[in-house]
Amino acid sequence: MMIRYWNPIEEADAIRHQLDRLFEGMVDTYTSPTVWTPAIELWDEGNTFILKAFLPGVSAEDLDIQVTRESISISGQRHPDELTEGTRRLYSDINYGHFRRATKLPVAVQNTEVKASFDQGILILTLPKVETEQNKVVKVNLLGSHESFQTALEANQNTDVA
C-alpha cells in the first residue's frame, strides 16, 4: 500500500487554475471605480511651501483644490478612456474614479495667495507662509528728559479724560 500525503496548497492552486480557465475571456479584469489616493511631495523653501501632486490622466476640469491656513485638500476624478466598438479592456492597473488627498501643513499659509499650475498631469501649488512677527525688531524711542516725560504724561491724561 502506498501512502500519499495531501497538500492543501497544491489542491487550492489546482482549483484556482481550473477556475481561471473556466472564466478566461468571460470576465473583464477592469476594476470598478474606487476611491484612490494620488502621490504628493511637499517641500519647504523658506518663505513658501511647494506641493507637487501626480495626477496623470486627470483633467483640470475634474480637479477641486481647497486650501485653508493649515491644510490642503485635492479631490477629483479620473475617467477611463472610452473604448471603441469591438474593443474591450483586458487588464488595467490604473485606478479610475474619485480620489481625495488631504494633508496638514507644518505652519500656517496665506491661503488667499496660493498659486497653482497644472501641466501634463502634474499639479504644483505654491503656498506662501504667513509672516510671523516673532523676529520683528521694533525700535523703541526713549524720552530724553524729564520735561519730555512730563509732556507725554500730560498728553496721555488729556486723552484719558476726553
C-alpha atoms as a PDB file:
ATOM      1  CA  MET A   1       0.000   0.000   0.000  1.00  0.00           C
ATOM      2  CA  MET A   2       1.262   3.427  -0.964  1.00  0.00           C
ATOM      3  CA  ILE A   3       0.875   6.384   1.388  1.00  0.00           C
ATOM      4  CA  ARG A   4       0.060   9.656  -0.276  1.00  0.00           C
ATOM      5  CA  TYR A   5       0.270  12.894   1.644  1.00  0.00           C
ATOM      6  CA  TRP A   6      -2.383  15.524   0.973  1.00  0.00           C
ATOM      7  CA  ASN A   7      -1.056  19.013   0.221  1.00  0.00           C
ATOM      8  CA  PRO A   8      -3.834  21.618   0.615  1.00  0.00           C
ATOM      9  CA  ILE A   9      -1.736  24.325  -1.110  1.00  0.00           C
ATOM     10  CA  GLU A  10      -1.362  22.248  -4.277  1.00  0.00           C
ATOM     11  CA  GLU A  11      -5.074  21.411  -4.196  1.00  0.00           C
ATOM     12  CA  ALA A  12      -6.081  25.078  -3.859  1.00  0.00           C
ATOM     13  CA  ASP A  13      -3.681  26.054  -6.639  1.00  0.00           C
ATOM     14  CA  ALA A  14      -5.163  23.421  -8.962  1.00  0.00           C
ATOM     15  CA  ILE A  15      -8.699  24.675  -8.249  1.00  0.00           C
ATOM     16  CA  ARG A  16      -7.606  28.262  -8.919  1.00  0.00           C
ATOM     17  CA  HIS A  17      -6.129  27.258 -12.296  1.00  0.00           C
ATOM     18  CA  GLN A  18      -9.334  25.417 -13.216  1.00  0.00           C
ATOM     19  CA  LEU A  19     -11.453  28.468 -12.322  1.00  0.00           C
ATOM     20  CA  ASP A  20      -9.120  30.759 -14.289  1.00  0.00           C
ATOM     21  CA  ARG A  21      -9.555  28.577 -17.380  1.00  0.00           C
ATOM     22  CA  LEU A  22     -13.324  28.425 -16.853  1.00  0.00           C
ATOM     23  CA  PHE A  23     -13.748  32.203 -16.646  1.00  0.00           C
ATOM     24  CA  GLU A  24     -10.977  33.159 -19.059  1.00  0.00           C
ATOM     25  CA  GLY A  25     -12.328  35.568 -21.617  1.00  0.00           C
ATOM     26  CA  MET A  26     -15.656  35.920 -19.818  1.00  0.00           C
ATOM     27  CA  VAL A  27     -14.663  38.431 -17.155  1.00  0.00           C
ATOM     28  CA  ASP A  28     -13.174  41.813 -17.914  1.00  0.00           C
ATOM     29  CA  THR A  29     -10.385  42.429 -15.407  1.00  0.00           C
ATOM     30  CA  TYR A  30     -11.076  46.167 -15.428  1.00  0.00           C
ATOM     31  CA  THR A  31     -11.664  47.076 -11.820  1.00  0.00           C
ATOM     32  CA  SER A  32     -14.705  49.074 -10.859  1.00  0.00           C
ATOM     33  CA  PRO A  33     -14.197  52.723  -9.970  1.00  0.00           C
ATOM     34  CA  THR A  34     -12.964  53.143  -6.426  1.00  0.00           C
ATOM     35  CA  VAL A  35     -11.522  55.911  -4.324  1.00  0.00           C
ATOM     36  CA  TRP A  36      -7.777  56.196  -4.803  1.00  0.00           C
ATOM     37  CA  THR A  37      -5.058  58.450  -3.420  1.00  0.00           C
ATOM     38  CA  PRO A  38      -2.607  60.343  -5.640  1.00  0.00           C
ATOM     39  CA  ALA A  39       1.062  60.657  -4.709  1.00  0.00           C
ATOM     40  CA  ILE A  40       2.270  64.050  -3.446  1.00  0.00           C
ATOM     41  CA  GLU A  41       5.532  65.749  -2.448  1.00  0.00           C
ATOM     42  CA  LEU A  42       5.833  68.764  -0.138  1.00  0.00           C
ATOM     43  CA  TRP A  43       8.923  70.995   0.019  1.00  0.00           C
ATOM     44  CA  ASP A  44       9.798  73.839   2.378  1.00  0.00           C
ATOM     45  CA  GLU A  45      11.576  76.651   0.536  1.00  0.00           C
ATOM     46  CA  GLY A  46      11.914  79.093   3.424  1.00  0.00           C
ATOM     47  CA  ASN A  47       9.064  81.556   2.851  1.00  0.00           C
ATOM     48  CA  THR A  48       6.900  79.127   0.855  1.00  0.00           C
ATOM     49  CA  PHE A  49       5.843  75.515   0.623  1.00  0.00           C
ATOM     50  CA  ILE A  50       5.747  73.795  -2.757  1.00  0.00           C
ATOM     51  CA  LEU A  51       3.310  70.900  -3.143  1.00  0.00           C
ATOM     52  CA  LYS A  52       3.516  68.629  -6.179  1.00  0.00           C
ATOM     53  CA  ALA A  53       0.685  66.153  -6.863  1.00  0.00           C
ATOM     54  CA  PHE A  54       0.968  63.473  -9.530  1.00  0.00           C
ATOM     55  CA  LEU A  55      -2.362  63.188 -11.361  1.00  0.00           C
ATOM     56  CA  PRO A  56      -1.778  61.539 -14.765  1.00  0.00           C
ATOM     57  CA  GLY A  57      -4.941  61.179 -16.813  1.00  0.00           C
ATOM     58  CA  VAL A  58      -6.865  63.749 -14.756  1.00  0.00           C
ATOM     59  CA  SER A  59      -8.175  66.861 -16.496  1.00  0.00           C
ATOM     60  CA  ALA A  60      -8.100  70.302 -14.871  1.00  0.00           C
ATOM     61  CA  GLU A  61     -11.910  70.444 -15.045  1.00  0.00           C
ATOM     62  CA  ASP A  62     -12.116  67.385 -12.786  1.00  0.00           C
ATOM     63  CA  LEU A  63      -9.944  68.909 -10.022  1.00  0.00           C
ATOM     64  CA  ASP A  64     -11.121  70.601  -6.821  1.00  0.00           C
ATOM     65  CA  ILE A  65      -8.379  72.254  -4.742  1.00  0.00           C
ATOM     66  CA  GLN A  66      -9.125  73.727  -1.318  1.00  0.00           C
ATOM     67  CA  VAL A  67      -6.537  75.390   0.898  1.00  0.00           C
ATOM     68  CA  THR A  68      -7.055  76.567   4.464  1.00  0.00           C
ATOM     69  CA  ARG A  69      -4.387  78.220   6.590  1.00  0.00           C
ATOM     70  CA  GLU A  70      -3.402  74.806   7.996  1.00  0.00           C
ATOM     71  CA  SER A  71      -4.253  72.207   5.334  1.00  0.00           C
ATOM     72  CA  ILE A  72      -4.662  71.306   1.670  1.00  0.00           C
ATOM     73  CA  SER A  73      -7.339  69.112   0.099  1.00  0.00           C
ATOM     74  CA  ILE A  74      -7.170  67.921  -3.506  1.00  0.00           C
ATOM     75  CA  SER A  75     -10.048  65.888  -4.900  1.00  0.00           C
ATOM     76  CA  GLY A  76     -11.415  64.957  -8.274  1.00  0.00           C
ATOM     77  CA  GLN A  77     -11.974  62.110 -10.659  1.00  0.00           C
ATOM     78  CA  ARG A  78     -10.047  60.195 -13.304  1.00  0.00           C
ATOM     79  CA  HIS A  79     -12.196  58.788 -16.106  1.00  0.00           C
ATOM     80  CA  PRO A  80     -11.255  55.662 -18.064  1.00  0.00           C
ATOM     81  CA  ASP A  81     -10.595  56.079 -21.772  1.00  0.00           C
ATOM     82  CA  GLU A  82     -13.593  55.484 -23.999  1.00  0.00           C
ATOM     83  CA  LEU A  83     -13.246  52.205 -25.841  1.00  0.00           C
ATOM     84  CA  THR A  84     -14.194  51.960 -29.484  1.00  0.00           C
ATOM     85  CA  GLU A  85     -16.748  49.420 -30.631  1.00  0.00           C
ATOM     86  CA  GLY A  86     -15.310  45.940 -30.681  1.00  0.00           C
ATOM     87  CA  THR A  87     -12.577  46.846 -28.201  1.00  0.00           C
ATOM     88  CA  ARG A  88     -12.518  45.647 -24.628  1.00  0.00           C
ATOM     89  CA  ARG A  89     -10.128  46.324 -21.803  1.00  0.00           C
ATOM     90  CA  LEU A  90      -8.363  43.112 -20.843  1.00  0.00           C
ATOM     91  CA  TYR A  91      -6.295  44.375 -17.973  1.00  0.00           C
ATOM     92  CA  SER A  92      -5.681  47.649 -16.137  1.00  0.00           C
ATOM     93  CA  ASP A  93      -3.569  48.573 -13.128  1.00  0.00           C
ATOM     94  CA  ILE A  94      -4.678  52.203 -13.408  1.00  0.00           C
ATOM     95  CA  ASN A  95      -7.018  53.485 -10.723  1.00  0.00           C
ATOM     96  CA  TYR A  96     -10.072  55.258 -12.082  1.00  0.00           C
ATOM     97  CA  GLY A  97     -12.850  57.022 -10.264  1.00  0.00           C
ATOM     98  CA  HIS A  98     -12.876  59.527  -7.452  1.00  0.00           C
ATOM     99  CA  PHE A  99      -9.798  60.486  -5.474  1.00  0.00           C
ATOM    100  CA  ARG A 100      -9.041  62.673  -2.496  1.00  0.00           C
ATOM    101  CA  ARG A 101      -5.786  63.671  -0.867  1.00  0.00           C
ATOM    102  CA  ALA A 102      -5.558  65.922   2.173  1.00  0.00           C
ATOM    103  CA  THR A 103      -2.552  66.937   4.212  1.00  0.00           C
ATOM    104  CA  LYS A 104      -1.888  69.207   7.162  1.00  0.00           C
ATOM    105  CA  LEU A 105       0.759  71.877   6.802  1.00  0.00           C
ATOM    106  CA  PRO A 106       3.520  72.345   9.412  1.00  0.00           C
ATOM    107  CA  VAL A 107       2.814  76.097   9.689  1.00  0.00           C
ATOM    108  CA  ALA A 108       0.048  78.431   8.526  1.00  0.00           C
ATOM    109  CA  VAL A 109      -0.026  79.658   4.930  1.00  0.00           C
ATOM    110  CA  GLN A 110      -1.622  82.662   3.260  1.00  0.00           C
ATOM    111  CA  ASN A 111      -4.378  80.682   1.586  1.00  0.00           C
ATOM    112  CA  THR A 112      -5.597  83.714  -0.408  1.00  0.00           C
ATOM    113  CA  GLU A 113      -2.173  83.988  -2.104  1.00  0.00           C
ATOM    114  CA  VAL A 114      -1.794  80.386  -3.324  1.00  0.00           C
ATOM    115  CA  LYS A 115      -0.667  79.938  -6.934  1.00  0.00           C
ATOM    116  CA  ALA A 116      -1.372  76.779  -8.935  1.00  0.00           C
ATOM    117  CA  SER A 117      -0.187  75.298 -12.209  1.00  0.00           C
ATOM    118  CA  PHE A 118      -1.291  72.062 -13.860  1.00  0.00           C
ATOM    119  CA  ASP A 119       0.651  70.625 -16.778  1.00  0.00           C
ATOM    120  CA  GLN A 120       0.915  67.069 -18.131  1.00  0.00           C
ATOM    121  CA  GLY A 121      -0.799  65.583 -15.081  1.00  0.00           C
ATOM    122  CA  ILE A 122       1.387  67.346 -12.509  1.00  0.00           C
ATOM    123  CA  LEU A 123      -0.221  69.866 -10.162  1.00  0.00           C
ATOM    124  CA  ILE A 124       2.127  72.353  -8.481  1.00  0.00           C
ATOM    125  CA  LEU A 125       0.894  74.591  -5.658  1.00  0.00           C
ATOM    126  CA  THR A 126       2.990  77.472  -4.335  1.00  0.00           C
ATOM    127  CA  LEU A 127       1.871  78.256  -0.789  1.00  0.00           C
ATOM    128  CA  PRO A 128       3.343  81.385   0.825  1.00  0.00           C
ATOM    129  CA  LYS A 129       3.771  81.061   4.573  1.00  0.00           C
ATOM    130  CA  VAL A 130       2.144  83.510   6.965  1.00  0.00           C
ATOM    131  CA  GLU A 131       4.743  86.022   8.088  1.00  0.00           C
ATOM    132  CA  THR A 132       5.378  85.642  11.784  1.00  0.00           C
ATOM    133  CA  GLU A 133       6.166  88.627  13.925  1.00  0.00           C
ATOM    134  CA  GLN A 134       8.369  86.712  16.342  1.00  0.00           C
ATOM    135  CA  ASN A 135      11.602  88.028  14.870  1.00  0.00           C
ATOM    136  CA  LYS A 136      10.364  91.518  14.052  1.00  0.00           C
ATOM    137  CA  VAL A 137      12.636  94.164  15.569  1.00  0.00           C
ATOM    138  CA  VAL A 138      10.947  97.321  16.801  1.00  0.00           C
ATOM    139  CA  LYS A 139      12.932 100.436  17.689  1.00  0.00           C
ATOM    140  CA  VAL A 140      11.829 101.964  20.969  1.00  0.00           C
ATOM    141  CA  ASN A 141      12.436 105.700  21.394  1.00  0.00           C
ATOM    142  CA  LEU A 142      13.331 106.845  24.870  1.00  0.00           C
ATOM    143  CA  LEU A 143      12.109 110.153  26.187  1.00  0.00           C
ATOM    144  CA  GLY A 144      15.285 112.152  26.636  1.00  0.00           C
ATOM    145  CA  SER A 145      14.473 114.447  29.537  1.00  0.00           C
ATOM    146  CA  HIS A 146      12.155 114.942  32.462  1.00  0.00           C
ATOM    147  CA  GLU A 147      10.262 117.646  30.517  1.00  0.00           C
ATOM    148  CA  SER A 148       9.620 115.267  27.605  1.00  0.00           C
ATOM    149  CA  PHE A 149       8.344 112.642  30.038  1.00  0.00           C
ATOM    150  CA  GLN A 150       6.104 115.207  31.764  1.00  0.00           C
ATOM    151  CA  THR A 151       4.717 116.385  28.385  1.00  0.00           C
ATOM    152  CA  ALA A 152       3.960 112.792  27.366  1.00  0.00           C
ATOM    153  CA  LEU A 153       2.217 112.154  30.689  1.00  0.00           C
ATOM    154  CA  GLU A 154       0.061 115.262  30.324  1.00  0.00           C
ATOM    155  CA  ALA A 155      -0.853 114.346  26.757  1.00  0.00           C
ATOM    156  CA  ASN A 156      -1.859 110.877  27.930  1.00  0.00           C
ATOM    157  CA  GLN A 157      -4.001 112.297  30.762  1.00  0.00           C
ATOM    158  CA  ASN A 158      -5.779 114.664  28.355  1.00  0.00           C
ATOM    159  CA  THR A 159      -6.740 111.781  26.076  1.00  0.00           C
ATOM    160  CA  ASP A 160      -7.987 109.721  29.045  1.00  0.00           C
ATOM    161  CA  VAL A 161     -10.392 112.496  30.102  1.00  0.00           C
ATOM    162  CA  ALA A 162     -11.835 113.038  26.635  1.00  0.00           C
END
